[in-house]
Amino acid sequence: MNNTESIHGHEVIHMVHSNPGTTEADLAAKVASTYGENATFHACSGDGMSLSDLLVFLAERDKVHRRDGKVFPGGSPDCDHDGEDHQH
């Protein structure tokens, strides 16, 4: 994959939903193998994020939960902006 392409955060959310309770290190390895070591991420209301930044961003919005070095699915993976829910 071209490392200059920004990946939507929903791709990471889907990875977490596919493997709930994965360690952050294992998730980082999976993301790196899928999208490259230098991948950046975006969401509807943010861009240019590292994986670490994205996980903070998603946790603040209840899209994922982080506990004891592991990542779990959060609430709805849908975007909620402009009063409208949708997926990407």
C-alpha atoms as a PDB file:
ATOM      1  CA  MET A   1       0.000   0.000   0.000  1.00  0.00           C
ATOM      2  CA  ASN A   2       1.141   3.528  -0.710  1.00  0.00           C
ATOM      3  CA  ASN A   3       2.257   4.973   2.612  1.00  0.00           C
ATOM      4  CA  THR A   4       1.156   8.467   1.604  1.00  0.00           C
ATOM      5  CA  GLU A   5      -2.487   7.385   1.579  1.00  0.00           C
ATOM      6  CA  SER A   6      -4.452   8.152   4.719  1.00  0.00           C
ATOM      7  CA  ILE A   7      -6.518   5.281   6.114  1.00  0.00           C
ATOM      8  CA  HIS A   8      -9.968   5.908   7.580  1.00  0.00           C
ATOM      9  CA  GLY A   9     -10.257   5.043  11.274  1.00  0.00           C
ATOM     10  CA  HIS A  10     -13.089   2.640  10.526  1.00  0.00           C
ATOM     11  CA  GLU A  11     -10.529   0.214   9.118  1.00  0.00           C
ATOM     12  CA  VAL A  12      -8.897   0.020  12.549  1.00  0.00           C
ATOM     13  CA  ILE A  13     -12.289  -0.198  14.275  1.00  0.00           C
ATOM     14  CA  HIS A  14     -13.110  -3.201  12.053  1.00  0.00           C
ATOM     15  CA  MET A  15      -9.806  -4.834  13.020  1.00  0.00           C
ATOM     16  CA  VAL A  16     -10.678  -4.385  16.704  1.00  0.00           C
ATOM     17  CA  HIS A  17     -14.178  -5.808  16.177  1.00  0.00           C
ATOM     18  CA  SER A  18     -12.645  -8.819  14.390  1.00  0.00           C
ATOM     19  CA  ASN A  19     -10.273  -9.510  17.274  1.00  0.00           C
ATOM     20  CA  PRO A  20     -11.640  -8.024  20.522  1.00  0.00           C
ATOM     21  CA  GLY A  21      -9.115  -7.834  23.329  1.00  0.00           C
ATOM     22  CA  THR A  22      -6.121  -7.739  21.015  1.00  0.00           C
ATOM     23  CA  THR A  23      -3.072  -6.132  22.536  1.00  0.00           C
ATOM     24  CA  GLU A  24      -2.133  -2.694  21.303  1.00  0.00           C
ATOM     25  CA  ALA A  25       1.213  -4.153  20.157  1.00  0.00           C
ATOM     26  CA  ASP A  26      -0.508  -6.875  18.114  1.00  0.00           C
ATOM     27  CA  LEU A  27      -2.900  -4.323  16.637  1.00  0.00           C
ATOM     28  CA  ALA A  28       0.049  -2.081  15.713  1.00  0.00           C
ATOM     29  CA  ALA A  29       1.776  -5.042  14.029  1.00  0.00           C
ATOM     30  CA  LYS A  30      -1.381  -5.917  12.081  1.00  0.00           C
ATOM     31  CA  VAL A  31      -1.854  -2.300  11.011  1.00  0.00           C
ATOM     32  CA  ALA A  32       1.799  -2.058   9.929  1.00  0.00           C
ATOM     33  CA  SER A  33       1.610  -5.284   7.930  1.00  0.00           C
ATOM     34  CA  THR A  34      -1.635  -4.195   6.275  1.00  0.00           C
ATOM     35  CA  TYR A  35      -1.007  -0.501   5.659  1.00  0.00           C
ATOM     36  CA  GLY A  36       2.730  -0.003   6.120  1.00  0.00           C
ATOM     37  CA  GLU A  37       4.907   1.269   8.935  1.00  0.00           C
ATOM     38  CA  ASN A  38       4.270   4.938   8.108  1.00  0.00           C
ATOM     39  CA  ALA A  39       0.507   4.821   7.617  1.00  0.00           C
ATOM     40  CA  THR A  40      -1.483   7.826   8.763  1.00  0.00           C
ATOM     41  CA  PHE A  41      -5.123   7.846   9.683  1.00  0.00           C
ATOM     42  CA  HIS A  42      -8.119  10.124   9.417  1.00  0.00           C
ATOM     43  CA  ALA A  43     -11.702  10.263  10.606  1.00  0.00           C
ATOM     44  CA  CYS A  44     -14.585  12.546   9.791  1.00  0.00           C
ATOM     45  CA  SER A  45     -13.319  15.157  12.241  1.00  0.00           C
ATOM     46  CA  GLY A  46      -9.559  14.665  12.249  1.00  0.00           C
ATOM     47  CA  ASP A  47      -6.649  13.711  10.024  1.00  0.00           C
ATOM     48  CA  GLY A  48      -2.911  13.156   9.966  1.00  0.00           C
ATOM     49  CA  MET A  49      -3.048  10.859  13.001  1.00  0.00           C
ATOM     50  CA  SER A  50      -0.631   8.119  13.996  1.00  0.00           C
ATOM     51  CA  LEU A  51      -2.139   4.843  15.207  1.00  0.00           C
ATOM     52  CA  SER A  52      -1.559   5.952  18.801  1.00  0.00           C
ATOM     53  CA  ASP A  53      -3.299   9.281  18.130  1.00  0.00           C
ATOM     54  CA  LEU A  54      -6.147   7.475  16.377  1.00  0.00           C
ATOM     55  CA  LEU A  55      -6.691   5.112  19.327  1.00  0.00           C
ATOM     56  CA  VAL A  56      -6.925   8.093  21.693  1.00  0.00           C
ATOM     57  CA  PHE A  57      -9.314   9.816  19.274  1.00  0.00           C
ATOM     58  CA  LEU A  58     -11.505   6.695  18.971  1.00  0.00           C
ATOM     59  CA  ALA A  59     -11.496   6.026  22.713  1.00  0.00           C
ATOM     60  CA  GLU A  60     -12.608   9.604  23.425  1.00  0.00           C
ATOM     61  CA  ARG A  61     -15.590   8.964  21.140  1.00  0.00           C
ATOM     62  CA  ASP A  62     -16.409   5.526  22.627  1.00  0.00           C
ATOM     63  CA  LYS A  63     -15.540   3.737  19.364  1.00  0.00           C
ATOM     64  CA  VAL A  64     -12.950   1.573  21.130  1.00  0.00           C
ATOM     65  CA  HIS A  65     -12.062   0.893  24.747  1.00  0.00           C
ATOM     66  CA  ARG A  66      -8.453   0.598  25.919  1.00  0.00           C
ATOM     67  CA  ARG A  67      -7.738  -1.374  29.064  1.00  0.00           C
ATOM     68  CA  ASP A  68      -4.542  -2.953  30.399  1.00  0.00           C
ATOM     69  CA  GLY A  69      -2.755  -2.645  27.039  1.00  0.00           C
ATOM     70  CA  LYS A  70      -5.638  -4.235  25.146  1.00  0.00           C
ATOM     71  CA  VAL A  71      -8.191  -2.782  22.743  1.00  0.00           C
ATOM     72  CA  PHE A  72     -11.868  -3.709  22.754  1.00  0.00           C
ATOM     73  CA  PRO A  73     -14.818  -2.640  20.611  1.00  0.00           C
ATOM     74  CA  GLY A  74     -16.684   0.363  21.946  1.00  0.00           C
ATOM     75  CA  GLY A  75     -20.099   1.665  21.081  1.00  0.00           C
ATOM     76  CA  SER A  76     -21.365   2.128  17.562  1.00  0.00           C
ATOM     77  CA  PRO A  77     -18.657   2.282  14.886  1.00  0.00           C
ATOM     78  CA  ASP A  78     -20.839   4.701  12.895  1.00  0.00           C
ATOM     79  CA  CYS A  79     -19.819   8.312  12.464  1.00  0.00           C
ATOM     80  CA  ASP A  80     -22.004  10.828  14.223  1.00  0.00           C
ATOM     81  CA  HIS A  81     -21.583  14.262  12.773  1.00  0.00           C
ATOM     82  CA  ASP A  82     -23.958  16.773  11.326  1.00  0.00           C
ATOM     83  CA  GLY A  83     -26.698  14.979  13.258  1.00  0.00           C
ATOM     84  CA  GLU A  84     -26.408  11.993  10.965  1.00  0.00           C
ATOM     85  CA  ASP A  85     -24.968   8.506  11.603  1.00  0.00           C
ATOM     86  CA  HIS A  86     -23.174   6.729   8.779  1.00  0.00           C
ATOM     87  CA  GLN A  87     -20.368   4.288   8.095  1.00  0.00           C
ATOM     88  CA  HIS A  88     -17.516   4.658   5.670  1.00  0.00           C
END
